[in-house]
Amino acid sequence: MTWILFFAGLLVLCGCKPRGSQIAYQGRSFEQWYHHWANAADRGDKAQEKEGREAIRQMGTNLLPFLLTQVRSQAEHDANPDIPPTIVFRVLGPVAGPAVPELEKMMQETNATLIVLASRSLGAIGEEAVPSLMRLLSHARRDTRYHAIYEFGSQLEYGEVYTNRQVLSNAIPALAGCMKDPEPYVTIHAIRALAVINLRPELAVPALREALASTNSTVRQEAGEAMGKFGIR
């Protein structure tokens, strides 16, 4: 167990909640730095936005117990916190890597909102979270599988957090294993991910051929289009 999970566990046992105001950098609390960053982003002030982002990253792993507690609290109370933890995870990116195991555990619980928030947080962290997202694709719970592939696919298509080809190559077997998922949208997002990654055709192409035999017309259409990305018509 990492020190982050140990500390977070102690906080739960004693009924305590970590506060962002107790974490500081250069004389300003985390909350002050967050609002500095958010306000600068709203104004389009690139210099101050960068300053705020770097300050938050400097606080780094000290923020993780607070953020993990906030994710769970937001899900349990169905509340909109002043500082959304998923946005902070996006600012931290790979710096938040040590939080991945706890977020992966959250995605295996039964609270639907917690699954969504944890998946968004994992997607925001980036490549450090890809192995966890791939493991979750074989989970028994449909919501867990769906949100794992949805966040991975969204970051893959619209984000810039997945740049390591080896990480993406390692994801191919798990994506290929989604071709017979009972939830068609899991299969559809996995097909799209295979097409975007466009690696390891020896695994991807047979999986897409398998999807072509689906009883779902959208799955078949997506598989056909993906085959074209591999040069097969």
C-alpha atoms as a PDB file:
ATOM      1  CA  MET A   1       0.000   0.000   0.000  1.00  0.00           C
ATOM      2  CA  THR A   2       1.424   3.399  -0.977  1.00  0.00           C
ATOM      3  CA  TRP A   3       1.675   6.235   1.516  1.00  0.00           C
ATOM      4  CA  ILE A   4      -1.137   8.014  -0.333  1.00  0.00           C
ATOM      5  CA  LEU A   5      -3.609   5.173   0.149  1.00  0.00           C
ATOM      6  CA  PHE A   6      -2.435   4.664   3.746  1.00  0.00           C
ATOM      7  CA  PHE A   7      -2.944   8.334   4.561  1.00  0.00           C
ATOM      8  CA  ALA A   8      -6.332   8.448   2.833  1.00  0.00           C
ATOM      9  CA  GLY A   9      -7.391   5.370   4.782  1.00  0.00           C
ATOM     10  CA  LEU A  10      -6.427   6.962   8.075  1.00  0.00           C
ATOM     11  CA  LEU A  11      -8.475  10.026   7.189  1.00  0.00           C
ATOM     12  CA  VAL A  12     -11.533   7.874   6.560  1.00  0.00           C
ATOM     13  CA  LEU A  13     -11.083   5.954   9.819  1.00  0.00           C
ATOM     14  CA  CYS A  14     -10.753   9.064  11.933  1.00  0.00           C
ATOM     15  CA  GLY A  15     -13.518  10.933  10.114  1.00  0.00           C
ATOM     16  CA  CYS A  16     -11.118  13.640   8.992  1.00  0.00           C
ATOM     17  CA  LYS A  17     -11.027  15.287   5.598  1.00  0.00           C
ATOM     18  CA  PRO A  18      -7.867  16.788   4.100  1.00  0.00           C
ATOM     19  CA  ARG A  19      -8.281  20.431   3.151  1.00  0.00           C
ATOM     20  CA  GLY A  20      -6.804  22.134   0.120  1.00  0.00           C
ATOM     21  CA  SER A  21      -6.154  25.234   2.208  1.00  0.00           C
ATOM     22  CA  GLN A  22      -3.639  23.248   4.273  1.00  0.00           C
ATOM     23  CA  ILE A  23      -1.473  22.576   1.215  1.00  0.00           C
ATOM     24  CA  ALA A  24       0.614  25.522   0.077  1.00  0.00           C
ATOM     25  CA  TYR A  25       3.329  26.605  -2.336  1.00  0.00           C
ATOM     26  CA  GLN A  26       5.281  29.854  -2.159  1.00  0.00           C
ATOM     27  CA  GLY A  27       2.993  31.288   0.500  1.00  0.00           C
ATOM     28  CA  ARG A  28      -0.284  30.576  -1.307  1.00  0.00           C
ATOM     29  CA  SER A  29      -2.722  27.776  -0.564  1.00  0.00           C
ATOM     30  CA  PHE A  30      -3.741  25.253  -3.165  1.00  0.00           C
ATOM     31  CA  GLU A  31      -7.179  26.854  -3.323  1.00  0.00           C
ATOM     32  CA  GLN A  32      -5.634  30.248  -4.079  1.00  0.00           C
ATOM     33  CA  TRP A  33      -3.406  28.780  -6.765  1.00  0.00           C
ATOM     34  CA  TYR A  34      -6.337  26.891  -8.315  1.00  0.00           C
ATOM     35  CA  HIS A  35      -8.426  30.050  -8.633  1.00  0.00           C
ATOM     36  CA  HIS A  36      -5.360  31.916  -9.948  1.00  0.00           C
ATOM     37  CA  TRP A  37      -5.049  29.259 -12.666  1.00  0.00           C
ATOM     38  CA  ALA A  38      -8.793  29.050 -13.431  1.00  0.00           C
ATOM     39  CA  ASN A  39      -9.269  32.820 -13.638  1.00  0.00           C
ATOM     40  CA  ALA A  40      -6.237  33.171 -15.895  1.00  0.00           C
ATOM     41  CA  ALA A  41      -7.583  30.408 -18.155  1.00  0.00           C
ATOM     42  CA  ASP A  42     -10.941  32.207 -18.381  1.00  0.00           C
ATOM     43  CA  ARG A  43      -9.189  35.471 -19.328  1.00  0.00           C
ATOM     44  CA  GLY A  44      -6.893  33.777 -21.798  1.00  0.00           C
ATOM     45  CA  ASP A  45      -3.851  34.967 -19.845  1.00  0.00           C
ATOM     46  CA  LYS A  46      -1.374  32.306 -20.915  1.00  0.00           C
ATOM     47  CA  ALA A  47       1.458  33.484 -18.667  1.00  0.00           C
ATOM     48  CA  GLN A  48      -0.571  33.421 -15.451  1.00  0.00           C
ATOM     49  CA  GLU A  49      -2.310  30.227 -16.487  1.00  0.00           C
ATOM     50  CA  LYS A  50       1.083  28.566 -16.871  1.00  0.00           C
ATOM     51  CA  GLU A  51       2.223  29.990 -13.527  1.00  0.00           C
ATOM     52  CA  GLY A  52      -0.841  28.541 -11.777  1.00  0.00           C
ATOM     53  CA  ARG A  53      -0.512  25.183 -13.504  1.00  0.00           C
ATOM     54  CA  GLU A  54       3.143  24.863 -12.537  1.00  0.00           C
ATOM     55  CA  ALA A  55       2.370  25.818  -8.928  1.00  0.00           C
ATOM     56  CA  ILE A  56      -0.313  23.118  -8.718  1.00  0.00           C
ATOM     57  CA  ARG A  57       2.095  20.584 -10.175  1.00  0.00           C
ATOM     58  CA  GLN A  58       4.738  21.593  -7.644  1.00  0.00           C
ATOM     59  CA  MET A  59       2.287  20.671  -4.869  1.00  0.00           C
ATOM     60  CA  GLY A  60       1.908  17.406  -6.756  1.00  0.00           C
ATOM     61  CA  THR A  61       1.481  14.268  -4.692  1.00  0.00           C
ATOM     62  CA  ASN A  62       0.699  16.290  -1.551  1.00  0.00           C
ATOM     63  CA  LEU A  63      -2.668  17.024  -3.174  1.00  0.00           C
ATOM     64  CA  LEU A  64      -3.622  13.424  -3.904  1.00  0.00           C
ATOM     65  CA  PRO A  65      -5.196  12.444  -0.548  1.00  0.00           C
ATOM     66  CA  PHE A  66      -7.324  15.602  -0.741  1.00  0.00           C
ATOM     67  CA  LEU A  67      -8.350  14.939  -4.353  1.00  0.00           C
ATOM     68  CA  LEU A  68      -9.212  11.282  -3.762  1.00  0.00           C
ATOM     69  CA  THR A  69     -11.361  12.255  -0.792  1.00  0.00           C
ATOM     70  CA  GLN A  70     -13.052  14.923  -2.905  1.00  0.00           C
ATOM     71  CA  VAL A  71     -13.858  12.447  -5.689  1.00  0.00           C
ATOM     72  CA  ARG A  72     -15.577  10.118  -3.235  1.00  0.00           C
ATOM     73  CA  SER A  73     -17.350  12.949  -1.426  1.00  0.00           C
ATOM     74  CA  GLN A  74     -18.644  14.409  -4.689  1.00  0.00           C
ATOM     75  CA  ALA A  75     -20.045  11.014  -5.703  1.00  0.00           C
ATOM     76  CA  GLU A  76     -21.589  10.188  -2.337  1.00  0.00           C
ATOM     77  CA  HIS A  77     -23.233  13.578  -1.844  1.00  0.00           C
ATOM     78  CA  ASP A  78     -23.997  14.247  -5.523  1.00  0.00           C
ATOM     79  CA  ALA A  79     -22.492  17.703  -5.060  1.00  0.00           C
ATOM     80  CA  ASN A  80     -20.617  20.089  -7.325  1.00  0.00           C
ATOM     81  CA  PRO A  81     -17.493  21.143  -5.412  1.00  0.00           C
ATOM     82  CA  ASP A  82     -15.965  24.577  -5.801  1.00  0.00           C
ATOM     83  CA  ILE A  83     -12.818  22.884  -7.070  1.00  0.00           C
ATOM     84  CA  PRO A  84     -13.737  19.856  -9.241  1.00  0.00           C
ATOM     85  CA  PRO A  85     -11.138  17.143  -8.536  1.00  0.00           C
ATOM     86  CA  THR A  86     -11.307  15.805 -12.085  1.00  0.00           C
ATOM     87  CA  ILE A  87     -10.087  19.170 -13.401  1.00  0.00           C
ATOM     88  CA  VAL A  88      -7.199  19.188 -10.939  1.00  0.00           C
ATOM     89  CA  PHE A  89      -6.222  15.684 -12.063  1.00  0.00           C
ATOM     90  CA  ARG A  90      -6.131  17.067 -15.598  1.00  0.00           C
ATOM     91  CA  VAL A  91      -3.799  19.875 -14.500  1.00  0.00           C
ATOM     92  CA  LEU A  92      -1.547  17.426 -12.642  1.00  0.00           C
ATOM     93  CA  GLY A  93      -1.455  14.874 -15.459  1.00  0.00           C
ATOM     94  CA  PRO A  94       1.208  12.193 -14.926  1.00  0.00           C
ATOM     95  CA  VAL A  95       2.235  13.812 -11.620  1.00  0.00           C
ATOM     96  CA  ALA A  96      -0.944  12.212 -10.231  1.00  0.00           C
ATOM     97  CA  GLY A  97       0.207   8.724 -11.223  1.00  0.00           C
ATOM     98  CA  PRO A  98       0.354   7.432  -7.610  1.00  0.00           C
ATOM     99  CA  ALA A  99      -3.436   7.949  -7.348  1.00  0.00           C
ATOM    100  CA  VAL A 100      -4.150   5.479 -10.172  1.00  0.00           C
ATOM    101  CA  PRO A 101      -4.551   2.334  -7.999  1.00  0.00           C
ATOM    102  CA  GLU A 102      -7.155   3.986  -5.765  1.00  0.00           C
ATOM    103  CA  LEU A 103      -9.050   5.403  -8.746  1.00  0.00           C
ATOM    104  CA  GLU A 104      -9.043   1.949 -10.335  1.00  0.00           C
ATOM    105  CA  LYS A 105     -10.594   0.546  -7.137  1.00  0.00           C
ATOM    106  CA  MET A 106     -13.261   3.267  -7.198  1.00  0.00           C
ATOM    107  CA  MET A 107     -14.240   2.212 -10.702  1.00  0.00           C
ATOM    108  CA  GLN A 108     -15.000  -1.278  -9.417  1.00  0.00           C
ATOM    109  CA  GLU A 109     -17.505  -0.084  -6.817  1.00  0.00           C
ATOM    110  CA  THR A 110     -21.269   0.124  -7.313  1.00  0.00           C
ATOM    111  CA  ASN A 111     -21.794   3.903  -7.091  1.00  0.00           C
ATOM    112  CA  ALA A 112     -22.463   4.940 -10.714  1.00  0.00           C
ATOM    113  CA  THR A 113     -21.374   8.541 -10.143  1.00  0.00           C
ATOM    114  CA  LEU A 114     -18.137   7.409  -8.508  1.00  0.00           C
ATOM    115  CA  ILE A 115     -17.383   5.244 -11.548  1.00  0.00           C
ATOM    116  CA  VAL A 116     -17.845   8.237 -13.855  1.00  0.00           C
ATOM    117  CA  LEU A 117     -15.692  10.584 -11.751  1.00  0.00           C
ATOM    118  CA  ALA A 118     -12.943   8.006 -11.287  1.00  0.00           C
ATOM    119  CA  SER A 119     -12.875   7.238 -15.013  1.00  0.00           C
ATOM    120  CA  ARG A 120     -12.585  10.934 -15.878  1.00  0.00           C
ATOM    121  CA  SER A 121      -9.757  11.301 -13.396  1.00  0.00           C
ATOM    122  CA  LEU A 122      -7.908   8.302 -14.830  1.00  0.00           C
ATOM    123  CA  GLY A 123      -8.355   9.603 -18.356  1.00  0.00           C
ATOM    124  CA  ALA A 124      -7.001  12.996 -17.314  1.00  0.00           C
ATOM    125  CA  ILE A 125      -3.867  11.507 -15.740  1.00  0.00           C
ATOM    126  CA  GLY A 126      -2.850  10.081 -19.100  1.00  0.00           C
ATOM    127  CA  GLU A 127      -0.495   7.281 -20.016  1.00  0.00           C
ATOM    128  CA  GLU A 128       0.201   6.311 -16.407  1.00  0.00           C
ATOM    129  CA  ALA A 129      -3.439   5.209 -16.190  1.00  0.00           C
ATOM    130  CA  VAL A 130      -3.687   3.242 -19.454  1.00  0.00           C
ATOM    131  CA  PRO A 131      -2.834  -0.183 -17.924  1.00  0.00           C
ATOM    132  CA  SER A 132      -5.580   0.346 -15.321  1.00  0.00           C
ATOM    133  CA  LEU A 133      -8.126   1.377 -17.943  1.00  0.00           C
ATOM    134  CA  MET A 134      -7.266  -1.704 -19.995  1.00  0.00           C
ATOM    135  CA  ARG A 135      -7.678  -4.018 -16.994  1.00  0.00           C
ATOM    136  CA  LEU A 136     -11.087  -2.490 -16.333  1.00  0.00           C
ATOM    137  CA  LEU A 137     -12.267  -3.480 -19.824  1.00  0.00           C
ATOM    138  CA  SER A 138     -12.729  -7.043 -18.566  1.00  0.00           C
ATOM    139  CA  HIS A 139     -14.660  -6.078 -15.426  1.00  0.00           C
ATOM    140  CA  ALA A 140     -18.042  -7.732 -14.890  1.00  0.00           C
ATOM    141  CA  ARG A 141     -19.872  -4.435 -14.406  1.00  0.00           C
ATOM    142  CA  ARG A 142     -21.096  -2.850 -17.643  1.00  0.00           C
ATOM    143  CA  ASP A 143     -20.739   0.745 -16.365  1.00  0.00           C
ATOM    144  CA  THR A 144     -17.122   0.114 -15.430  1.00  0.00           C
ATOM    145  CA  ARG A 145     -16.229  -1.278 -18.847  1.00  0.00           C
ATOM    146  CA  TYR A 146     -18.113   1.425 -20.712  1.00  0.00           C
ATOM    147  CA  HIS A 147     -16.620   4.388 -18.878  1.00  0.00           C
ATOM    148  CA  ALA A 148     -13.119   2.903 -19.043  1.00  0.00           C
ATOM    149  CA  ILE A 149     -13.230   2.590 -22.830  1.00  0.00           C
ATOM    150  CA  TYR A 150     -15.107   5.866 -23.286  1.00  0.00           C
ATOM    151  CA  GLU A 151     -12.521   7.912 -21.367  1.00  0.00           C
ATOM    152  CA  PHE A 152      -9.624   6.141 -23.041  1.00  0.00           C
ATOM    153  CA  GLY A 153     -11.127   6.706 -26.465  1.00  0.00           C
ATOM    154  CA  SER A 154     -11.956  10.348 -25.778  1.00  0.00           C
ATOM    155  CA  GLN A 155      -8.434  11.150 -24.664  1.00  0.00           C
ATOM    156  CA  LEU A 156      -7.040   9.195 -27.590  1.00  0.00           C
ATOM    157  CA  GLU A 157      -9.111  11.025 -30.173  1.00  0.00           C
ATOM    158  CA  TYR A 158      -9.300  14.563 -28.788  1.00  0.00           C
ATOM    159  CA  GLY A 159      -6.514  14.862 -26.235  1.00  0.00           C
ATOM    160  CA  GLU A 160      -2.761  14.977 -26.384  1.00  0.00           C
ATOM    161  CA  VAL A 161      -1.996  12.806 -23.381  1.00  0.00           C
ATOM    162  CA  TYR A 162      -1.266   9.545 -25.219  1.00  0.00           C
ATOM    163  CA  THR A 163       1.921  10.000 -27.222  1.00  0.00           C
ATOM    164  CA  ASN A 164       3.935   6.911 -26.287  1.00  0.00           C
ATOM    165  CA  ARG A 165       3.514   4.327 -29.048  1.00  0.00           C
ATOM    166  CA  GLN A 166       4.638   1.481 -26.782  1.00  0.00           C
ATOM    167  CA  VAL A 167       1.908   2.284 -24.259  1.00  0.00           C
ATOM    168  CA  LEU A 168      -0.672   2.302 -27.052  1.00  0.00           C
ATOM    169  CA  SER A 169       0.722  -0.904 -28.541  1.00  0.00           C
ATOM    170  CA  ASN A 170       0.386  -2.604 -25.159  1.00  0.00           C
ATOM    171  CA  ALA A 171      -3.299  -1.611 -25.098  1.00  0.00           C
ATOM    172  CA  ILE A 172      -4.147  -3.511 -28.301  1.00  0.00           C
ATOM    173  CA  PRO A 173      -4.815  -6.963 -26.746  1.00  0.00           C
ATOM    174  CA  ALA A 174      -7.346  -5.558 -24.255  1.00  0.00           C
ATOM    175  CA  LEU A 175      -9.063  -3.531 -26.976  1.00  0.00           C
ATOM    176  CA  ALA A 176      -9.187  -6.559 -29.270  1.00  0.00           C
ATOM    177  CA  GLY A 177     -10.815  -8.513 -26.452  1.00  0.00           C
ATOM    178  CA  CYS A 178     -13.817  -6.162 -26.502  1.00  0.00           C
ATOM    179  CA  MET A 179     -15.163  -7.358 -29.843  1.00  0.00           C
ATOM    180  CA  LYS A 180     -17.753  -9.663 -28.256  1.00  0.00           C
ATOM    181  CA  ASP A 181     -18.686  -7.431 -25.340  1.00  0.00           C
ATOM    182  CA  PRO A 182     -22.428  -7.740 -24.592  1.00  0.00           C
ATOM    183  CA  GLU A 183     -22.618  -3.941 -24.477  1.00  0.00           C
ATOM    184  CA  PRO A 184     -22.294  -2.805 -28.123  1.00  0.00           C
ATOM    185  CA  TYR A 185     -21.044   0.671 -27.209  1.00  0.00           C
ATOM    186  CA  VAL A 186     -18.052  -0.869 -25.450  1.00  0.00           C
ATOM    187  CA  THR A 187     -17.247  -2.679 -28.692  1.00  0.00           C
ATOM    188  CA  ILE A 188     -17.835   0.441 -30.794  1.00  0.00           C
ATOM    189  CA  HIS A 189     -15.462   2.596 -28.743  1.00  0.00           C
ATOM    190  CA  ALA A 190     -12.858  -0.199 -28.727  1.00  0.00           C
ATOM    191  CA  ILE A 191     -13.091  -0.441 -32.539  1.00  0.00           C
ATOM    192  CA  ARG A 192     -12.591   3.309 -32.858  1.00  0.00           C
ATOM    193  CA  ALA A 193      -9.585   3.135 -30.554  1.00  0.00           C
ATOM    194  CA  LEU A 194      -8.019   0.355 -32.637  1.00  0.00           C
ATOM    195  CA  ALA A 195      -8.486   2.477 -35.757  1.00  0.00           C
ATOM    196  CA  VAL A 196      -6.904   5.570 -34.203  1.00  0.00           C
ATOM    197  CA  ILE A 197      -3.938   3.680 -32.735  1.00  0.00           C
ATOM    198  CA  ASN A 198      -3.440   1.733 -35.995  1.00  0.00           C
ATOM    199  CA  LEU A 199      -0.754  -0.585 -34.613  1.00  0.00           C
ATOM    200  CA  ARG A 200      -0.232  -4.358 -34.400  1.00  0.00           C
ATOM    201  CA  PRO A 201      -2.447  -5.375 -37.356  1.00  0.00           C
ATOM    202  CA  GLU A 202      -1.750  -9.040 -36.571  1.00  0.00           C
ATOM    203  CA  LEU A 203      -3.985  -8.584 -33.495  1.00  0.00           C
ATOM    204  CA  ALA A 204      -6.223  -5.714 -34.547  1.00  0.00           C
ATOM    205  CA  VAL A 205      -7.351  -6.989 -37.953  1.00  0.00           C
ATOM    206  CA  PRO A 206      -8.571 -10.437 -36.779  1.00  0.00           C
ATOM    207  CA  ALA A 207     -10.452  -8.684 -33.971  1.00  0.00           C
ATOM    208  CA  LEU A 208     -12.112  -6.336 -36.446  1.00  0.00           C
ATOM    209  CA  ARG A 209     -13.058  -9.261 -38.683  1.00  0.00           C
ATOM    210  CA  GLU A 210     -14.696 -10.812 -35.635  1.00  0.00           C
ATOM    211  CA  ALA A 211     -16.674  -7.606 -35.109  1.00  0.00           C
ATOM    212  CA  LEU A 212     -17.843  -7.736 -38.731  1.00  0.00           C
ATOM    213  CA  ALA A 213     -19.881 -10.794 -37.744  1.00  0.00           C
ATOM    214  CA  SER A 214     -21.739  -8.892 -35.000  1.00  0.00           C
ATOM    215  CA  THR A 215     -25.524  -8.868 -34.967  1.00  0.00           C
ATOM    216  CA  ASN A 216     -25.361  -5.110 -34.299  1.00  0.00           C
ATOM    217  CA  SER A 217     -25.339  -3.079 -37.521  1.00  0.00           C
ATOM    218  CA  THR A 218     -23.439  -0.143 -35.996  1.00  0.00           C
ATOM    219  CA  VAL A 219     -20.708  -2.467 -34.738  1.00  0.00           C
ATOM    220  CA  ARG A 220     -20.403  -3.956 -38.238  1.00  0.00           C
ATOM    221  CA  GLN A 221     -20.255  -0.515 -39.856  1.00  0.00           C
ATOM    222  CA  GLU A 222     -17.592   0.745 -37.432  1.00  0.00           C
ATOM    223  CA  ALA A 223     -15.538  -2.423 -37.938  1.00  0.00           C
ATOM    224  CA  GLY A 224     -15.676  -2.019 -41.712  1.00  0.00           C
ATOM    225  CA  GLU A 225     -14.516   1.587 -41.497  1.00  0.00           C
ATOM    226  CA  ALA A 226     -11.726   0.615 -39.104  1.00  0.00           C
ATOM    227  CA  MET A 227     -10.536  -2.103 -41.489  1.00  0.00           C
ATOM    228  CA  GLY A 228     -10.059   0.626 -44.059  1.00  0.00           C
ATOM    229  CA  LYS A 229      -7.595   2.358 -41.719  1.00  0.00           C
ATOM    230  CA  PHE A 230      -5.497  -0.795 -41.915  1.00  0.00           C
ATOM    231  CA  GLY A 231      -5.686  -0.757 -45.717  1.00  0.00           C
ATOM    232  CA  ILE A 232      -8.257  -3.547 -45.965  1.00  0.00           C
ATOM    233  CA  ARG A 233     -11.462  -2.960 -47.936  1.00  0.00           C
END
